[in-house]
N, C-alpha and C. Protein backbone atom coordinates (compact mmCIF):
# COMPACT_ATOMS: atom_id res chain seq x y z
N UNK A 1 -14.25 6.05 23.17
CA UNK A 1 -14.10 7.78 23.44
C UNK A 1 -13.32 7.44 22.09
N UNK A 2 -13.96 8.03 20.38
CA UNK A 2 -14.25 8.56 19.33
C UNK A 2 -12.59 8.72 19.20
N UNK A 3 -12.79 8.43 18.24
CA UNK A 3 -10.50 8.46 17.26
C UNK A 3 -10.60 10.42 18.01
N UNK A 4 -11.58 10.55 17.10
CA UNK A 4 -11.66 12.32 16.94
C UNK A 4 -11.17 12.99 18.27
N UNK A 5 -11.39 12.44 19.02
CA UNK A 5 -11.43 12.46 21.13
C UNK A 5 -10.50 12.37 21.43
N UNK A 6 -9.06 11.57 21.20
CA UNK A 6 -7.93 11.06 21.50
C UNK A 6 -6.71 12.16 21.17
N UNK A 7 -6.43 12.20 22.24
CA UNK A 7 -4.57 12.94 22.15
C UNK A 7 -3.85 12.67 20.60
N UNK A 8 -3.35 13.50 20.18
CA UNK A 8 -2.18 12.98 19.41
C UNK A 8 -1.38 12.39 19.41
N UNK A 9 -0.68 11.78 20.60
CA UNK A 9 -0.24 11.32 21.21
C UNK A 9 -0.65 10.00 21.12
N UNK A 10 -1.55 9.70 21.52
CA UNK A 10 -2.62 8.56 21.45
C UNK A 10 -3.03 7.54 19.95
N UNK A 11 -3.45 9.00 18.82
CA UNK A 11 -4.02 8.59 17.94
C UNK A 11 -2.43 7.61 17.07
N UNK A 12 -0.96 8.78 16.97
CA UNK A 12 0.34 8.13 16.98
C UNK A 12 0.31 6.31 16.47
N UNK A 13 0.28 6.61 18.79
CA UNK A 13 0.09 5.62 19.41
C UNK A 13 -1.00 3.99 18.71
N UNK A 14 -2.23 4.38 18.17
CA UNK A 14 -3.14 3.69 17.87
C UNK A 14 -2.66 3.34 16.13
N UNK A 15 -2.09 4.48 15.86
CA UNK A 15 -1.48 4.47 13.80
C UNK A 15 -0.26 2.87 14.11
N UNK A 16 0.58 3.41 14.87
CA UNK A 16 1.69 2.45 14.96
C UNK A 16 1.02 0.66 15.25
N UNK A 17 0.14 0.58 15.44
CA UNK A 17 -0.32 -0.85 16.37
C UNK A 17 -1.10 -1.49 14.92
N UNK A 18 -1.58 -0.61 14.59
CA UNK A 18 -2.78 -0.42 12.88
C UNK A 18 -1.57 -0.58 12.06
N UNK A 19 -0.55 -0.42 11.88
CA UNK A 19 1.02 -0.35 10.90
C UNK A 19 1.12 -2.10 11.12
N UNK A 20 1.19 -2.62 11.87
CA UNK A 20 1.65 -3.57 13.01
C UNK A 20 0.24 -5.09 12.48
N UNK A 21 -0.69 -4.05 12.38
CA UNK A 21 -1.43 -5.78 12.51
C UNK A 21 -2.11 -5.61 11.03
N UNK A 22 -1.99 -4.00 9.82
CA UNK A 22 -1.58 -4.35 8.47
C UNK A 22 -0.24 -5.21 8.17
N UNK A 23 0.16 -5.24 8.84
CA UNK A 23 2.21 -5.87 8.04
C UNK A 23 1.51 -7.19 8.39
N UNK A 24 1.26 -7.53 9.60
CA UNK A 24 1.42 -9.58 9.79
C UNK A 24 -0.29 -9.86 10.19
N UNK A 25 -1.04 -9.45 9.99
CA UNK A 25 -2.58 -10.54 9.61
C UNK A 25 -2.58 -10.54 7.97
N UNK A 26 -2.08 -11.84 7.62
CA UNK A 26 -3.13 -11.75 5.62
C UNK A 26 -4.71 -11.44 6.09
N UNK A 27 -4.82 -11.45 5.25
CA UNK A 27 -6.22 -11.92 4.63
C UNK A 27 -6.77 -11.90 3.50
N UNK A 28 -7.70 -12.73 2.81
CA UNK A 28 -7.58 -12.57 1.24
C UNK A 28 -8.04 -12.06 0.60
N UNK A 29 -7.95 -11.86 -1.25
CA UNK A 29 -8.52 -10.39 -1.49
C UNK A 29 -10.08 -10.65 -1.87
N UNK A 30 -10.17 -9.69 -1.40
CA UNK A 30 -11.46 -9.42 -1.03
C UNK A 30 -12.54 -8.49 -3.16
N UNK A 31 -11.56 -8.15 -3.81
CA UNK A 31 -11.72 -8.14 -4.83
C UNK A 31 -12.56 -9.08 -6.12
N UNK A 32 -12.13 -9.80 -5.76
CA UNK A 32 -11.50 -10.94 -6.80
C UNK A 32 -11.99 -12.59 -6.06
N UNK A 33 -12.45 -11.70 -4.96
CA UNK A 33 -12.18 -13.15 -4.08
C UNK A 33 -11.89 -14.59 -5.00
N UNK A 34 -9.81 -14.42 -5.33
CA UNK A 34 -8.91 -15.45 -5.89
C UNK A 34 -8.33 -16.25 -5.26
N UNK A 35 -8.58 -16.21 -3.59
CA UNK A 35 -7.71 -16.98 -2.87
C UNK A 35 -6.13 -15.88 -2.68
N UNK A 36 -5.69 -15.05 -2.87
CA UNK A 36 -4.63 -14.42 -3.04
C UNK A 36 -4.93 -13.83 -2.01
N UNK A 37 -2.81 -13.73 -1.28
CA UNK A 37 -3.31 -12.43 -0.23
C UNK A 37 -3.02 -11.10 -0.25
N UNK A 38 -3.89 -10.20 0.46
CA UNK A 38 -3.60 -8.94 0.40
C UNK A 38 -2.32 -8.56 1.37
N UNK A 39 -1.28 -7.68 0.17
CA UNK A 39 -0.20 -7.63 0.77
C UNK A 39 -0.46 -6.36 0.65
N UNK A 40 0.33 -4.83 2.13
CA UNK A 40 0.36 -4.08 1.43
C UNK A 40 1.70 -3.35 0.82
N UNK A 41 1.64 -2.25 0.28
CA UNK A 41 2.65 -1.63 -0.83
C UNK A 41 2.33 -0.22 -0.54
N UNK A 42 4.05 0.48 0.12
CA UNK A 42 4.09 2.03 -0.02
C UNK A 42 3.52 2.58 -1.63
N UNK A 43 2.90 3.26 -1.13
CA UNK A 43 3.11 4.08 -2.82
C UNK A 43 3.84 4.98 -3.22
N UNK A 44 3.71 5.15 -4.09
CA UNK A 44 4.72 6.31 -5.65
C UNK A 44 4.60 7.05 -4.43
N UNK A 45 5.34 8.12 -5.05
CA UNK A 45 5.13 9.80 -5.13
C UNK A 45 4.55 10.03 -5.89
N UNK A 46 3.87 11.11 -5.87
CA UNK A 46 3.02 11.34 -7.34
C UNK A 46 4.42 12.09 -8.41
N UNK A 47 2.90 12.03 -9.52
CA UNK A 47 4.48 12.15 -10.42
C UNK A 47 5.46 12.84 -10.54
N UNK A 48 6.28 13.90 -10.17
CA UNK A 48 7.91 14.24 -10.74
C UNK A 48 8.25 15.20 -8.86
N UNK A 49 7.32 14.10 -8.19
CA UNK A 49 8.08 15.23 -6.76
C UNK A 49 8.53 13.18 -6.34
N UNK A 50 9.18 13.46 -5.09
CA UNK A 50 10.05 12.61 -4.69
C UNK A 50 10.24 12.99 -3.05
N UNK A 51 10.53 12.22 -2.53
CA UNK A 51 11.00 12.70 -0.51
C UNK A 51 11.00 13.87 -0.46
N UNK A 52 12.29 14.46 -1.12
CA UNK A 52 12.42 15.45 -0.89
C UNK A 52 11.45 16.83 -0.68
N UNK A 53 10.50 16.12 -1.44
CA UNK A 53 9.88 17.42 -1.14
C UNK A 53 8.32 17.60 -0.58
N UNK A 54 8.94 16.63 0.67
CA UNK A 54 7.99 16.01 1.50
C UNK A 54 8.80 15.74 3.04
N UNK A 55 10.02 17.35 3.10
CA UNK A 55 9.98 16.89 4.97
C UNK A 55 9.74 16.45 5.91
N UNK A 56 8.23 16.96 5.82
CA UNK A 56 7.62 16.45 7.60
C UNK A 56 7.03 15.28 7.09
N UNK A 57 6.99 14.45 5.84
CA UNK A 57 6.90 12.89 6.09
C UNK A 57 5.37 13.12 4.97
N UNK A 58 5.74 11.63 4.43
CA UNK A 58 4.10 11.79 3.07
C UNK A 58 2.82 11.83 3.51
N UNK A 59 2.40 13.05 3.38
CA UNK A 59 1.04 12.89 4.80
C UNK A 59 -0.52 12.45 4.17
N UNK A 60 -1.20 12.67 4.84
CA UNK A 60 -2.74 11.76 4.52
C UNK A 60 -2.90 10.80 4.08
N UNK A 61 -3.39 10.63 3.18
CA UNK A 61 -4.14 9.81 2.35
C UNK A 61 -2.78 9.21 1.54
N UNK A 62 -2.18 9.76 1.24
CA UNK A 62 -1.27 9.10 0.64
C UNK A 62 0.11 8.41 1.12
N UNK A 63 -0.33 8.10 2.70
CA UNK A 63 1.16 7.89 2.61
C UNK A 63 0.10 6.45 3.29
N UNK A 64 -1.48 5.92 3.28
CA UNK A 64 -1.94 5.17 3.42
C UNK A 64 -1.31 4.26 2.37
N UNK A 65 -0.79 2.67 2.23
CA UNK A 65 -0.76 1.66 1.30
C UNK A 65 -1.15 1.51 1.34
N UNK A 66 -1.20 1.09 -0.39
CA UNK A 66 -2.04 -0.19 -1.03
C UNK A 66 -1.72 -1.48 -0.53
N UNK A 67 -3.41 -1.85 -0.60
CA UNK A 67 -2.60 -3.33 -0.57
C UNK A 67 -3.31 -4.47 -1.96
N UNK A 68 -2.41 -4.72 -2.14
CA UNK A 68 -2.16 -5.53 -2.99
C UNK A 68 -2.09 -7.04 -3.45
N UNK A 69 -2.94 -7.66 -4.55
CA UNK A 69 -3.11 -8.93 -4.48
C UNK A 69 -2.08 -10.41 -4.56
N UNK A 70 -1.78 -10.99 -4.10
CA UNK A 70 -0.81 -11.61 -3.96
C UNK A 70 -0.19 -13.11 -5.68
N UNK A 71 -1.87 -13.38 -6.16
CA UNK A 71 -2.36 -13.37 -6.56
C UNK A 71 -2.90 -12.86 -7.86
N UNK A 72 -3.84 -11.99 -8.02
CA UNK A 72 -4.22 -11.48 -9.22
C UNK A 72 -3.01 -9.71 -9.66
N UNK A 73 -3.07 -9.42 -8.52
CA UNK A 73 -2.70 -8.07 -8.46
C UNK A 73 -3.85 -6.81 -8.27
N UNK A 74 -4.59 -7.10 -7.77
CA UNK A 74 -5.85 -6.28 -8.01
C UNK A 74 -4.94 -5.36 -6.73
N UNK A 75 -5.60 -4.44 -6.96
CA UNK A 75 -4.89 -3.18 -6.18
C UNK A 75 -6.56 -2.56 -4.95
N UNK A 76 -6.39 -2.55 -3.44
CA UNK A 76 -7.38 -1.55 -2.58
C UNK A 76 -6.51 -0.51 -2.01
N UNK A 77 -7.16 0.63 -2.27
CA UNK A 77 -7.08 1.83 -2.00
C UNK A 77 -7.56 2.07 -1.36
N UNK A 78 -7.37 3.22 -0.03
CA UNK A 78 -8.00 3.73 0.30
C UNK A 78 -7.56 4.93 0.32
N UNK A 79 -9.18 5.46 -0.40
CA UNK A 79 -8.89 7.00 0.20
C UNK A 79 -10.35 7.83 0.23
N UNK A 80 -9.58 8.82 1.03
CA UNK A 80 -11.01 9.81 1.90
C UNK A 80 -10.54 11.78 1.29
N UNK A 81 -11.59 12.03 1.56
CA UNK A 81 -11.57 13.36 1.47
C UNK A 81 -12.01 13.99 3.33
N UNK A 82 -11.46 14.86 3.34
CA UNK A 82 -11.18 15.12 4.76
C UNK A 82 -12.10 17.05 4.41
N UNK A 83 -13.48 15.77 4.88
CA UNK A 83 -14.43 16.78 4.52
C UNK A 83 -14.99 17.32 6.31
N UNK A 84 -15.88 19.05 6.46
CA UNK A 84 -15.94 18.84 7.72
C UNK A 84 -17.48 19.21 7.17
């Protein structure tokens, strides 16, 4: 079944498991292939904003953690545009 057809409850369940996998399955730096391990690092809030500006949570792509290499510090960011 396509992800878009899942209920919100099932999507949330999927997100929880995806986070567990990202946090526990190391993979090597795909950017410079330096041999470092990519680790999840939460994104900072936009300049001039903090958690009080997002009472319902940090939404969209901004809540997706960046992956940072433990060796060369390169950053892999996921940026999606909501296009219909």
